[in-house]
């Protein structure tokens, strides 16, 4: 499974822009706030996060 996912990242061009470690570090920076009612709200994503998530969204993992 990992091999297929890694091959996908290469085919999407993500590996040219970011190492796997860099992608994980970028995604780790998500900012979420919780209001008094317990609702979670994601704050604005960075361009790098958007690029990575859009590419991963196109993946067919099954």
PDB file of N, CA and C in Angstrom:
ATOM      1  N   UNK A   1       0.829  -1.193   0.000  1.00  0.00           N
ATOM      2  CA  UNK A   1       0.000   0.000   0.000  1.00  0.00           C
ATOM      3  C   UNK A   1       0.869   1.250   0.000  1.00  0.00           C
ATOM      4  N   UNK A   2       1.901   1.268   0.853  1.00  0.00           N
ATOM      5  CA  UNK A   2       2.759   2.445   0.922  1.00  0.00           C
ATOM      6  C   UNK A   2       3.422   2.709  -0.421  1.00  0.00           C
ATOM      7  N   UNK A   3       3.836   1.662  -1.116  1.00  0.00           N
ATOM      8  CA  UNK A   3       4.494   1.822  -2.408  1.00  0.00           C
ATOM      9  C   UNK A   3       3.593   2.489  -3.424  1.00  0.00           C
ATOM     10  N   UNK A   4       2.326   2.109  -3.453  1.00  0.00           N
ATOM     11  CA  UNK A   4       1.377   2.708  -4.389  1.00  0.00           C
ATOM     12  C   UNK A   4       1.152   4.184  -4.064  1.00  0.00           C
ATOM     13  N   UNK A   5       1.027   4.496  -2.794  1.00  0.00           N
ATOM     14  CA  UNK A   5       0.821   5.885  -2.381  1.00  0.00           C
ATOM     15  C   UNK A   5       2.024   6.748  -2.718  1.00  0.00           C
ATOM     16  N   UNK A   6       3.209   6.199  -2.510  1.00  0.00           N
ATOM     17  CA  UNK A   6       4.436   6.930  -2.807  1.00  0.00           C
ATOM     18  C   UNK A   6       4.556   7.157  -4.311  1.00  0.00           C
ATOM     19  N   UNK A   7       4.229   6.137  -5.091  1.00  0.00           N
ATOM     20  CA  UNK A   7       4.258   6.270  -6.551  1.00  0.00           C
ATOM     21  C   UNK A   7       3.263   7.330  -7.004  1.00  0.00           C
ATOM     22  N   UNK A   8       2.121   7.390  -6.351  1.00  0.00           N
ATOM     23  CA  UNK A   8       1.127   8.406  -6.697  1.00  0.00           C
ATOM     24  C   UNK A   8       1.666   9.803  -6.436  1.00  0.00           C
ATOM     25  N   UNK A   9       2.314   9.991  -5.299  1.00  0.00           N
ATOM     26  CA  UNK A   9       2.866  11.304  -4.970  1.00  0.00           C
ATOM     27  C   UNK A   9       3.892  11.728  -6.016  1.00  0.00           C
ATOM     28  N   UNK A  10       4.670  10.785  -6.476  1.00  0.00           N
ATOM     29  CA  UNK A  10       5.660  11.080  -7.512  1.00  0.00           C
ATOM     30  C   UNK A  10       4.948  11.461  -8.803  1.00  0.00           C
ATOM     31  N   UNK A  11       3.924  10.690  -9.186  1.00  0.00           N
ATOM     32  CA  UNK A  11       3.212  10.962 -10.436  1.00  0.00           C
ATOM     33  C   UNK A  11       2.473  12.297 -10.401  1.00  0.00           C
ATOM     34  N   UNK A  12       2.034  12.739  -9.235  1.00  0.00           N
ATOM     35  CA  UNK A  12       1.328  14.015  -9.107  1.00  0.00           C
ATOM     36  C   UNK A  12       2.302  15.199  -9.076  1.00  0.00           C
ATOM     37  N   UNK A  13       3.588  14.917  -9.042  1.00  0.00           N
ATOM     38  CA  UNK A  13       4.573  15.987  -9.026  1.00  0.00           C
ATOM     39  C   UNK A  13       4.851  16.558  -7.645  1.00  0.00           C
ATOM     40  N   UNK A  14       4.214  16.008  -6.627  1.00  0.00           N
ATOM     41  CA  UNK A  14       4.430  16.526  -5.274  1.00  0.00           C
ATOM     42  C   UNK A  14       5.852  16.291  -4.799  1.00  0.00           C
ATOM     43  N   UNK A  15       6.436  15.172  -5.212  1.00  0.00           N
ATOM     44  CA  UNK A  15       7.775  14.855  -4.741  1.00  0.00           C
ATOM     45  C   UNK A  15       8.825  15.783  -5.360  1.00  0.00           C
ATOM     46  N   UNK A  16       8.467  16.462  -6.445  1.00  0.00           N
ATOM     47  CA  UNK A  16       9.381  17.453  -7.020  1.00  0.00           C
ATOM     48  C   UNK A  16       9.385  18.724  -6.174  1.00  0.00           C
ATOM     49  N   UNK A  17       8.262  19.006  -5.559  1.00  0.00           N
ATOM     50  CA  UNK A  17       8.131  20.218  -4.755  1.00  0.00           C
ATOM     51  C   UNK A  17       8.491  19.988  -3.293  1.00  0.00           C
ATOM     52  N   UNK A  18       8.067  18.852  -2.750  1.00  0.00           N
ATOM     53  CA  UNK A  18       8.200  18.600  -1.317  1.00  0.00           C
ATOM     54  C   UNK A  18       8.695  17.177  -1.068  1.00  0.00           C
ATOM     55  N   UNK A  19       9.537  17.015  -0.066  1.00  0.00           N
ATOM     56  CA  UNK A  19       9.875  15.663   0.383  1.00  0.00           C
ATOM     57  C   UNK A  19       8.690  15.146   1.193  1.00  0.00           C
ATOM     58  N   UNK A  20       8.640  13.854   1.408  1.00  0.00           N
ATOM     59  CA  UNK A  20       7.557  13.279   2.200  1.00  0.00           C
ATOM     60  C   UNK A  20       7.538  13.894   3.597  1.00  0.00           C
ATOM     61  N   UNK A  21       8.722  14.060   4.174  1.00  0.00           N
ATOM     62  CA  UNK A  21       8.816  14.667   5.502  1.00  0.00           C
ATOM     63  C   UNK A  21       8.277  16.096   5.485  1.00  0.00           C
ATOM     64  N   UNK A  22       8.592  16.861   4.438  1.00  0.00           N
ATOM     65  CA  UNK A  22       8.131  18.250   4.339  1.00  0.00           C
ATOM     66  C   UNK A  22       6.611  18.323   4.218  1.00  0.00           C
ATOM     67  N   UNK A  23       6.037  17.375   3.450  1.00  0.00           N
ATOM     68  CA  UNK A  23       4.576  17.343   3.321  1.00  0.00           C
ATOM     69  C   UNK A  23       3.921  17.104   4.670  1.00  0.00           C
ATOM     70  N   UNK A  24       4.455  16.140   5.414  1.00  0.00           N
ATOM     71  CA  UNK A  24       3.882  15.855   6.733  1.00  0.00           C
ATOM     72  C   UNK A  24       4.031  17.041   7.676  1.00  0.00           C
ATOM     73  N   UNK A  25       5.162  17.714   7.609  1.00  0.00           N
ATOM     74  CA  UNK A  25       5.362  18.898   8.451  1.00  0.00           C
ATOM     75  C   UNK A  25       4.385  20.012   8.086  1.00  0.00           C
ATOM     76  N   UNK A  26       4.143  20.199   6.798  1.00  0.00           N
ATOM     77  CA  UNK A  26       3.185  21.225   6.369  1.00  0.00           C
ATOM     78  C   UNK A  26       1.778  20.894   6.855  1.00  0.00           C
ATOM     79  N   UNK A  27       1.390  19.635   6.741  1.00  0.00           N
ATOM     80  CA  UNK A  27       0.042  19.236   7.152  1.00  0.00           C
ATOM     81  C   UNK A  27      -0.129  19.260   8.666  1.00  0.00           C
ATOM     82  N   UNK A  28       0.983  19.150   9.366  1.00  0.00           N
ATOM     83  CA  UNK A  28       0.947  19.186  10.828  1.00  0.00           C
ATOM     84  C   UNK A  28       0.614  20.585  11.352  1.00  0.00           C
ATOM     85  N   UNK A  29       0.743  21.587  10.511  1.00  0.00           N
ATOM     86  CA  UNK A  29       0.549  22.979  10.924  1.00  0.00           C
ATOM     87  C   UNK A  29      -0.904  23.443  10.882  1.00  0.00           C
ATOM     88  N   UNK A  30      -1.836  22.537  10.648  1.00  0.00           N
ATOM     89  CA  UNK A  30      -3.244  22.950  10.608  1.00  0.00           C
ATOM     90  C   UNK A  30      -3.620  23.665  11.894  1.00  0.00           C
ATOM     91  N   UNK A  31      -4.396  24.704  11.750  1.00  0.00           N
ATOM     92  CA  UNK A  31      -4.859  25.460  12.910  1.00  0.00           C
ATOM     93  C   UNK A  31      -6.370  25.301  13.017  1.00  0.00           C
ATOM     94  N   UNK A  32      -6.793  24.808  14.164  1.00  0.00           N
ATOM     95  CA  UNK A  32      -8.212  24.585  14.424  1.00  0.00           C
ATOM     96  C   UNK A  32      -8.540  25.253  15.761  1.00  0.00           C
ATOM     97  N   UNK A  33      -9.682  25.925  15.782  1.00  0.00           N
ATOM     98  CA  UNK A  33     -10.128  26.525  17.041  1.00  0.00           C
ATOM     99  C   UNK A  33     -11.442  25.877  17.457  1.00  0.00           C
ATOM    100  N   UNK A  34     -11.678  25.868  18.747  1.00  0.00           N
ATOM    101  CA  UNK A  34     -12.915  25.296  19.299  1.00  0.00           C
ATOM    102  C   UNK A  34     -13.676  26.404  20.011  1.00  0.00           C
ATOM    103  N   UNK A  35     -14.940  26.547  19.661  1.00  0.00           N
ATOM    104  CA  UNK A  35     -15.748  27.573  20.322  1.00  0.00           C
ATOM    105  C   UNK A  35     -16.340  27.023  21.624  1.00  0.00           C
ATOM    106  N   UNK A  36     -17.123  27.837  22.310  1.00  0.00           N
ATOM    107  CA  UNK A  36     -17.682  27.441  23.610  1.00  0.00           C
ATOM    108  C   UNK A  36     -18.637  26.259  23.506  1.00  0.00           C
ATOM    109  N   UNK A  37     -19.229  26.053  22.333  1.00  0.00           N
ATOM    110  CA  UNK A  37     -20.166  24.942  22.138  1.00  0.00           C
ATOM    111  C   UNK A  37     -19.471  23.653  21.716  1.00  0.00           C
ATOM    112  N   UNK A  38     -18.166  23.707  21.581  1.00  0.00           N
ATOM    113  CA  UNK A  38     -17.422  22.515  21.195  1.00  0.00           C
ATOM    114  C   UNK A  38     -17.287  22.344  19.687  1.00  0.00           C
ATOM    115  N   UNK A  39     -17.737  23.331  18.915  1.00  0.00           N
ATOM    116  CA  UNK A  39     -17.616  23.254  17.458  1.00  0.00           C
ATOM    117  C   UNK A  39     -16.187  23.585  17.038  1.00  0.00           C
ATOM    118  N   UNK A  40     -15.641  22.777  16.132  1.00  0.00           N
ATOM    119  CA  UNK A  40     -14.298  23.003  15.638  1.00  0.00           C
ATOM    120  C   UNK A  40     -14.356  23.746  14.311  1.00  0.00           C
ATOM    121  N   UNK A  41     -13.482  24.708  14.151  1.00  0.00           N
ATOM    122  CA  UNK A  41     -13.405  25.485  12.927  1.00  0.00           C
ATOM    123  C   UNK A  41     -11.956  25.502  12.463  1.00  0.00           C
ATOM    124  N   UNK A  42     -11.749  25.110  11.215  1.00  0.00           N
ATOM    125  CA  UNK A  42     -10.406  25.134  10.648  1.00  0.00           C
ATOM    126  C   UNK A  42     -10.112  26.538  10.143  1.00  0.00           C
ATOM    127  N   UNK A  43      -8.968  27.072  10.531  1.00  0.00           N
ATOM    128  CA  UNK A  43      -8.558  28.377  10.039  1.00  0.00           C
ATOM    129  C   UNK A  43      -8.006  28.225   8.625  1.00  0.00           C
ATOM    130  N   UNK A  44      -7.723  29.309   7.976  1.00  0.00           N
ATOM    131  CA  UNK A  44      -7.303  29.288   6.583  1.00  0.00           C
ATOM    132  C   UNK A  44      -6.070  28.405   6.375  1.00  0.00           C
ATOM    133  N   UNK A  45      -6.098  27.643   5.279  1.00  0.00           N
ATOM    134  CA  UNK A  45      -4.980  26.776   4.923  1.00  0.00           C
ATOM    135  C   UNK A  45      -3.934  27.574   4.153  1.00  0.00           C
ATOM    136  N   UNK A  46      -2.690  27.144   4.297  1.00  0.00           N
ATOM    137  CA  UNK A  46      -1.625  27.768   3.514  1.00  0.00           C
ATOM    138  C   UNK A  46      -1.685  27.229   2.086  1.00  0.00           C
ATOM    139  N   UNK A  47      -1.004  27.899   1.164  1.00  0.00           N
ATOM    140  CA  UNK A  47      -0.971  27.444  -0.222  1.00  0.00           C
ATOM    141  C   UNK A  47      -0.347  26.056  -0.311  1.00  0.00           C
ATOM    142  N   UNK A  48       0.705  25.816   0.456  1.00  0.00           N
ATOM    143  CA  UNK A  48       1.360  24.506   0.443  1.00  0.00           C
ATOM    144  C   UNK A  48       0.388  23.434   0.917  1.00  0.00           C
ATOM    145  N   UNK A  49      -0.348  23.716   1.981  1.00  0.00           N
ATOM    146  CA  UNK A  49      -1.328  22.748   2.481  1.00  0.00           C
ATOM    147  C   UNK A  49      -2.391  22.482   1.432  1.00  0.00           C
ATOM    148  N   UNK A  50      -2.866  23.529   0.759  1.00  0.00           N
ATOM    149  CA  UNK A  50      -3.877  23.359  -0.285  1.00  0.00           C
ATOM    150  C   UNK A  50      -3.351  22.494  -1.417  1.00  0.00           C
ATOM    151  N   UNK A  51      -2.117  22.748  -1.867  1.00  0.00           N
ATOM    152  CA  UNK A  51      -1.520  21.965  -2.945  1.00  0.00           C
ATOM    153  C   UNK A  51      -1.448  20.484  -2.575  1.00  0.00           C
ATOM    154  N   UNK A  52      -0.980  20.222  -1.387  1.00  0.00           N
ATOM    155  CA  UNK A  52      -0.814  18.837  -0.937  1.00  0.00           C
ATOM    156  C   UNK A  52      -2.171  18.154  -0.806  1.00  0.00           C
ATOM    157  N   UNK A  53      -3.125  18.815  -0.158  1.00  0.00           N
ATOM    158  CA  UNK A  53      -4.435  18.207   0.055  1.00  0.00           C
ATOM    159  C   UNK A  53      -5.203  18.015  -1.247  1.00  0.00           C
ATOM    160  N   UNK A  54      -5.077  18.943  -2.187  1.00  0.00           N
ATOM    161  CA  UNK A  54      -5.735  18.778  -3.478  1.00  0.00           C
ATOM    162  C   UNK A  54      -5.175  17.574  -4.227  1.00  0.00           C
ATOM    163  N   UNK A  55      -3.867  17.399  -4.178  1.00  0.00           N
ATOM    164  CA  UNK A  55      -3.247  16.254  -4.839  1.00  0.00           C
ATOM    165  C   UNK A  55      -3.670  14.944  -4.166  1.00  0.00           C
ATOM    166  N   UNK A  56      -3.714  14.939  -2.854  1.00  0.00           N
ATOM    167  CA  UNK A  56      -4.133  13.728  -2.137  1.00  0.00           C
ATOM    168  C   UNK A  56      -5.603  13.423  -2.350  1.00  0.00           C
ATOM    169  N   UNK A  57      -6.401  14.456  -2.534  1.00  0.00           N
ATOM    170  CA  UNK A  57      -7.828  14.257  -2.780  1.00  0.00           C
ATOM    171  C   UNK A  57      -8.075  13.531  -4.109  1.00  0.00           C
ATOM    172  N   UNK A  58      -7.163  13.710  -5.048  1.00  0.00           N
ATOM    173  CA  UNK A  58      -7.296  13.066  -6.361  1.00  0.00           C
ATOM    174  C   UNK A  58      -6.862  11.595  -6.325  1.00  0.00           C
ATOM    175  N   UNK A  59      -6.269  11.181  -5.223  1.00  0.00           N
ATOM    176  CA  UNK A  59      -5.751   9.820  -5.107  1.00  0.00           C
ATOM    177  C   UNK A  59      -6.892   8.821  -4.995  1.00  0.00           C
ATOM    178  N   UNK A  60      -6.687   7.684  -5.588  1.00  0.00           N
ATOM    179  CA  UNK A  60      -7.612   6.563  -5.423  1.00  0.00           C
ATOM    180  C   UNK A  60      -6.907   5.534  -4.560  1.00  0.00           C
ATOM    181  N   UNK A  61      -7.216   5.540  -3.287  1.00  0.00           N
ATOM    182  CA  UNK A  61      -6.520   4.659  -2.340  1.00  0.00           C
ATOM    183  C   UNK A  61      -7.106   3.262  -2.290  1.00  0.00           C
ATOM    184  N   UNK A  62      -8.210   3.002  -2.944  1.00  0.00           N
ATOM    185  CA  UNK A  62      -8.838   1.686  -2.882  1.00  0.00           C
ATOM    186  C   UNK A  62      -8.620   0.974  -4.138  1.00  0.00           C
TER     187      UNK A  62
END
